[in-house]
Protein backbone atom coordinates (compact mmCIF):
# COMPACT_ATOMS: atom_id res chain seq x y z
CA MET A 1 -18.52 130.88 124.55
CA PRO A 2 -22.55 131.28 123.01
CA ALA A 3 -25.12 129.92 125.87
CA ARG A 4 -25.44 126.28 125.48
CA PRO A 5 -29.31 124.33 125.78
CA SER A 6 -29.69 121.16 127.54
CA SER A 7 -30.91 119.04 124.90
CA GLY A 8 -28.93 116.76 122.19
CA ALA A 9 -27.19 114.73 124.81
CA LEU A 10 -24.26 112.33 123.94
CA LYS A 11 -22.61 110.25 126.12
CA LEU A 12 -18.55 109.50 125.88
CA SER A 13 -17.86 105.76 127.52
CA PHE A 14 -14.54 104.57 128.35
CA ASP A 15 -13.00 101.00 128.82
CA ASN A 16 -16.73 99.24 127.85
CA GLY A 17 -18.81 101.42 129.83
CA GLU A 18 -17.03 101.57 132.89
CA LYS A 19 -16.19 105.42 132.61
CA GLU A 20 -19.12 107.25 131.29
CA TYR A 21 -19.38 111.28 130.70
CA LYS A 22 -22.06 113.02 129.67
CA LEU A 23 -21.81 116.10 127.03
CA TYR A 24 -24.84 118.47 124.90
CA SER A 25 -25.07 119.58 121.89
CA PHE A 26 -23.12 123.07 121.46
CA ALA A 27 -25.69 123.93 118.40
CA GLU A 28 -29.34 124.72 118.74
CA THR A 29 -30.44 120.71 117.50
CA SER A 30 -27.87 118.49 117.31
CA PRO A 31 -27.00 117.38 113.50
CA ILE A 32 -26.64 113.49 114.30
CA LEU A 33 -29.48 111.95 112.93
CA SER A 34 -30.30 109.93 115.17
CA LEU A 35 -31.46 108.93 119.27
CA ARG A 36 -29.22 108.37 122.71
CA PRO A 37 -26.01 108.65 120.78
CA THR A 38 -23.26 106.90 122.63
CA VAL A 39 -19.75 107.67 121.48
CA ARG A 40 -17.25 104.48 122.01
CA ILE A 41 -13.33 104.80 122.49
CA GLY A 42 -10.65 102.38 122.90
CA ASP A 43 -10.03 100.32 125.57
CA ALA A 44 -6.28 100.57 125.64
CA THR A 45 -4.67 101.82 128.61
CA VAL A 46 -0.61 102.95 129.26
CA GLY A 47 -0.03 102.67 132.63
CA ASN A 48 -2.43 105.30 134.49
CA ALA A 49 -2.44 107.53 131.63
CA ARG A 50 -5.11 107.20 128.70
CA PRO A 51 -4.11 107.98 125.12
CA ASP A 52 -7.32 109.15 124.12
CA HIS A 53 -8.78 110.74 127.09
CA PRO A 54 -9.10 114.63 127.26
CA LEU A 55 -7.71 114.77 130.41
CA TYR A 56 -5.02 112.23 130.89
CA GLY A 57 -4.07 111.67 127.55
CA THR A 58 -0.51 111.14 126.61
CA GLY A 59 -0.85 113.78 123.64
CA GLU A 60 0.55 117.13 124.04
CA LYS A 61 -1.17 119.16 127.27
CA GLY A 62 -3.36 121.77 126.22
CA SER A 63 -3.59 121.00 122.56
CA LEU A 64 -6.76 119.99 120.03
CA GLN A 65 -6.39 116.24 120.34
CA VAL A 66 -7.71 113.30 117.43
CA MET A 67 -8.95 110.25 118.48
CA PRO A 68 -10.99 107.58 116.30
CA ALA A 69 -14.39 106.02 118.19
CA ILE A 70 -17.46 104.56 117.57
CA VAL A 71 -21.10 106.20 117.29
CA ASP A 72 -23.36 103.70 118.77
CA SER A 73 -27.44 104.69 117.87
CA TYR A 74 -30.95 104.58 117.77
CA THR A 75 -34.07 105.55 115.52
CA HIS A 76 -37.24 106.11 115.36
CA ARG A 77 -39.25 103.33 113.47
CA GLY A 78 -43.02 103.90 114.39
CA LYS A 79 -43.61 104.10 117.43
CA SER A 80 -40.39 101.90 118.40
CA GLU A 81 -37.02 102.16 118.31
CA GLU A 82 -33.89 100.07 116.60
CA VAL A 83 -30.26 100.60 116.63
CA GLU A 84 -28.55 101.67 114.03
CA PRO A 85 -25.89 100.30 112.82
CA PRO A 86 -21.90 101.21 114.22
CA LEU A 87 -20.78 104.45 112.52
CA ARG A 88 -16.79 105.20 112.58
CA VAL A 89 -15.93 108.78 113.49
CA ALA A 90 -13.08 110.81 114.21
CA ILE A 91 -13.62 112.78 117.26
CA LYS A 92 -11.64 116.38 117.79
CA TRP A 93 -11.53 117.44 121.57
CA GLY A 94 -9.92 119.76 123.75
CA ARG A 95 -10.02 121.57 127.26
CA GLY A 96 -10.45 125.00 128.23
CA ASN A 97 -11.70 127.97 126.81
CA PRO A 98 -9.15 128.72 124.08
CA ASN A 99 -9.63 125.20 122.44
CA LEU A 100 -13.14 125.18 123.00
CA GLN A 101 -13.77 128.40 120.70
CA THR A 102 -11.44 126.93 118.60
CA LEU A 103 -13.80 123.66 117.92
CA ALA A 104 -16.43 126.83 118.08
CA HIS A 105 -15.38 128.03 114.58
CA GLU A 106 -14.85 125.09 113.49
CA LEU A 107 -18.11 124.01 113.62
CA HIS A 108 -19.17 127.42 112.08
CA LEU A 109 -17.03 126.99 109.41
CA TYR A 110 -18.53 123.39 108.50
CA ASP A 111 -22.42 124.44 109.08
CA GLY A 112 -22.27 126.84 107.29
CA ASP A 113 -19.70 128.04 103.99
CA MET A 114 -18.73 124.37 103.94
CA LYS A 115 -21.71 122.82 104.03
CA SER A 116 -22.24 121.85 100.28
CA LEU A 117 -18.64 120.27 100.54
CA GLN A 118 -19.07 117.83 103.18
CA GLY A 119 -18.55 114.68 102.60
CA THR A 120 -16.61 115.47 99.28
CA VAL A 121 -13.83 117.85 100.17
CA VAL A 122 -14.34 117.93 103.58
CA PRO A 123 -15.45 115.85 106.03
CA ARG A 124 -18.58 115.13 107.44
CA CYS A 125 -19.56 116.91 110.47
CA PHE A 126 -21.46 115.22 112.92
CA GLY A 127 -22.10 118.15 115.78
CA LEU A 128 -19.79 120.00 118.65
CA TYR A 129 -21.02 118.37 122.12
CA VAL A 130 -19.34 120.14 125.06
CA GLY A 131 -19.75 119.75 129.12
CA PHE A 132 -17.52 119.32 131.64
CA ILE A 133 -15.59 116.35 133.04
CA GLU A 134 -14.30 115.64 136.41
CA GLY A 135 -14.78 120.02 137.02
CA GLN A 136 -13.19 120.54 133.30
CA GLU A 137 -14.91 122.08 130.40
CA ILE A 138 -14.67 119.61 127.36
CA GLY A 139 -15.44 120.18 123.52
CA CYS A 140 -15.77 117.04 121.29
CA LEU A 141 -16.29 117.65 117.78
CA ILE A 142 -17.16 114.44 115.85
CA LEU A 143 -16.44 114.24 112.38
CA GLU A 144 -16.81 111.50 109.67
CA TRP A 145 -13.63 109.12 109.69
CA CYS A 146 -11.40 109.29 106.74
CA GLY A 147 -9.17 106.16 106.50
CA GLY A 148 -9.31 105.53 102.75
CA GLU A 149 -6.07 104.89 100.40
CA THR A 150 -4.34 107.86 99.29
CA PRO A 151 -4.84 108.30 95.10
CA ARG A 152 -1.92 106.67 93.72
CA GLY A 153 0.31 108.35 91.08
CA PRO A 154 1.87 112.00 91.94
CA PHE A 155 -0.08 113.61 88.96
CA GLU A 156 -3.98 112.05 90.57
CA LEU A 157 -2.83 112.84 93.72
CA ASN A 158 -1.75 117.00 93.24
CA ARG A 159 -4.95 117.06 90.80
CA GLN A 160 -6.66 116.03 93.46
CA ARG A 161 -5.60 118.64 96.07
CA MET A 162 -6.05 121.38 94.07
CA LEU A 163 -9.47 120.42 92.70
CA ALA A 164 -9.88 120.44 96.54
CA ALA A 165 -8.68 123.66 97.18
CA ILE A 166 -10.54 125.15 94.29
CA ARG A 167 -13.45 123.92 95.40
CA LEU A 168 -12.60 125.20 99.33
CA HIS A 169 -11.82 128.57 97.80
CA SER A 170 -14.89 128.64 95.76
CA VAL A 171 -16.80 128.81 98.75
CA GLY A 172 -15.44 131.84 100.34
CA ILE A 173 -13.16 130.10 102.85
CA THR A 174 -8.86 130.26 102.90
CA HIS A 175 -7.64 127.55 105.01
CA ASN A 176 -4.04 128.95 105.36
CA GLY A 177 -2.30 126.05 105.92
CA LEU A 178 -2.55 123.42 103.09
CA LEU A 179 1.00 123.95 101.90
CA ASN A 180 1.50 121.05 104.21
CA HIS A 181 0.48 118.08 102.92
CA HIS A 182 -0.89 116.46 105.78
CA HIS A 183 -3.93 118.42 105.89
CA PHE A 184 -5.20 116.19 102.58
CA ILE A 185 -6.43 112.74 103.92
CA ALA A 186 -8.49 110.28 102.35
CA GLY A 187 -11.90 109.45 102.21
CA ASP A 188 -13.38 105.91 102.47
CA ASP A 189 -14.51 106.41 98.76
CA GLY A 190 -10.19 107.12 97.71
CA THR A 191 -11.05 110.78 97.10
CA LEU A 192 -9.14 113.51 99.33
CA ARG A 193 -10.75 115.49 102.33
CA ILE A 194 -8.98 118.87 103.71
CA ILE A 195 -9.04 118.48 107.52
CA ASP A 196 -8.25 121.26 110.39
CA PHE A 197 -9.82 124.63 109.80
CA SER A 198 -8.79 125.59 113.26
CA SER A 199 -6.64 128.89 111.63
CA ALA A 200 -9.20 129.08 108.00
CA LYS A 201 -10.74 132.43 107.69
CA LYS A 202 -13.80 133.47 105.48
CA HIS A 203 -12.24 135.11 102.49
CA ASN A 204 -12.90 137.06 98.97
CA CYS A 205 -10.92 134.49 96.67
CA LEU A 206 -9.71 136.45 93.37
CA GLY A 207 -8.92 132.75 91.86
CA ALA A 208 -5.21 132.04 90.62
CA ILE A 209 -4.17 131.59 87.10
CA PRO A 210 -2.27 128.01 86.46
CA LYS A 211 1.52 128.12 85.73
CA VAL A 212 2.88 125.43 83.14
CA SER A 213 6.72 126.12 84.07
CA ASN A 214 8.05 127.16 87.12
CA ASP A 215 10.10 130.14 86.27
CA ASP A 216 12.01 131.50 88.90
CA ASN A 217 13.78 134.26 86.56
CA SER A 218 10.27 135.52 85.82
CA GLU A 219 9.02 139.02 86.61
CA MET A 220 6.02 138.73 86.84
CA GLN A 221 3.97 138.90 90.00
CA PRO A 222 1.33 136.41 91.09
CA ILE A 223 -1.99 137.77 89.77
CA GLY A 224 -5.22 136.42 92.24
CA CYS A 225 -5.20 134.84 95.92
CA ALA A 226 -2.46 134.27 97.18
CA GLU A 227 -3.13 130.69 98.69
CA LEU A 228 -3.56 129.22 95.61
CA ASN A 229 -0.79 130.62 93.95
CA LEU A 230 1.64 129.26 96.50
CA LEU A 231 -0.55 125.83 95.48
CA GLU A 232 -0.48 126.47 92.52
CA MET A 233 3.19 126.14 92.37
CA LYS A 234 3.46 123.10 94.99
CA TYR A 235 0.87 121.00 93.60
CA GLY A 236 0.07 122.45 90.30
CA MET A 237 1.22 121.68 86.43
CA ALA A 238 4.40 124.08 87.83
CA SER A 239 5.65 122.21 90.60
CA GLY A 240 7.17 119.08 88.54
CA PHE A 241 5.53 116.99 90.93
CA THR A 242 8.56 117.89 93.42
CA ALA A 243 6.17 117.95 96.69
CA VAL A 244 4.95 114.31 96.11
CA HIS A 245 9.27 113.41 95.28
CA ASP A 246 10.30 114.90 98.96
CA GLU A 247 7.52 113.42 101.10
CA ASN A 248 8.29 109.95 99.83
CA ARG A 249 11.84 110.63 100.70
CA ASP A 250 10.55 111.91 104.26
CA GLN A 251 8.47 108.97 104.95
CA GLU A 252 11.23 106.39 103.54
CA THR A 253 13.95 108.64 105.84
CA ARG A 254 11.41 107.86 109.12
CA ARG A 255 10.98 104.11 108.26
CA THR A 256 14.94 104.02 108.08
CA SER A 257 15.58 105.94 111.38
CA SER A 258 12.86 103.84 112.82
CA CYS A 259 14.56 100.29 111.74
CA ALA A 260 18.43 102.05 112.92
CA THR A 261 17.14 102.40 116.31
CA GLN A 262 15.49 98.95 116.70
């Protein structure tokens, strides 16, 4: 891991402040435009295990976890400090060097090639903070909370998916996971954001030609970008919107299975 400065402290607060940890900004300057930020994480406990704790969480051990949180902070007003309105965020964290390397990779993309896309195509990124909690190194990437309503109708949903993917590729990034529709989520403004860049890479995109039909007998080979061509087949005009219908069917199956076990 690159060397980290000792400035830009962030305080993690659990259980209404009963447990607090201090992390430090991974970047040279903290992207959070406020003073003394504190991240408040949910108060619920599950027995002795925390569903949202980086060490004791109930998620899969060793994997990156994403949890909702609130950022409390202050800002300068002349010679005084004033409390900023609470900011709802998503925190993505993990422990151990491999996970920290992944988070640093994502930060590099957010602050680099994807910087112009923050808040529209990808979530806003407020920085990566690292430190030690009970002797284990922890990394915490703070992102815009995206809890908006998914666009209604298969045409608009798939249109936004394709436009977001094209804009991502236009800045030289291939995601390598966009066939999984869970990587598209809605922001508070109702437009889609692409998330999870752990497998993303820089990319010299050759573009793609939209298809108006899905002719499996065609001998023509896809021209241009492999990822965009695959997305065109799944979400573009050639898809017949089957991707949305399949997703709705999967959701209905899960709901039916859940009811049957109650």
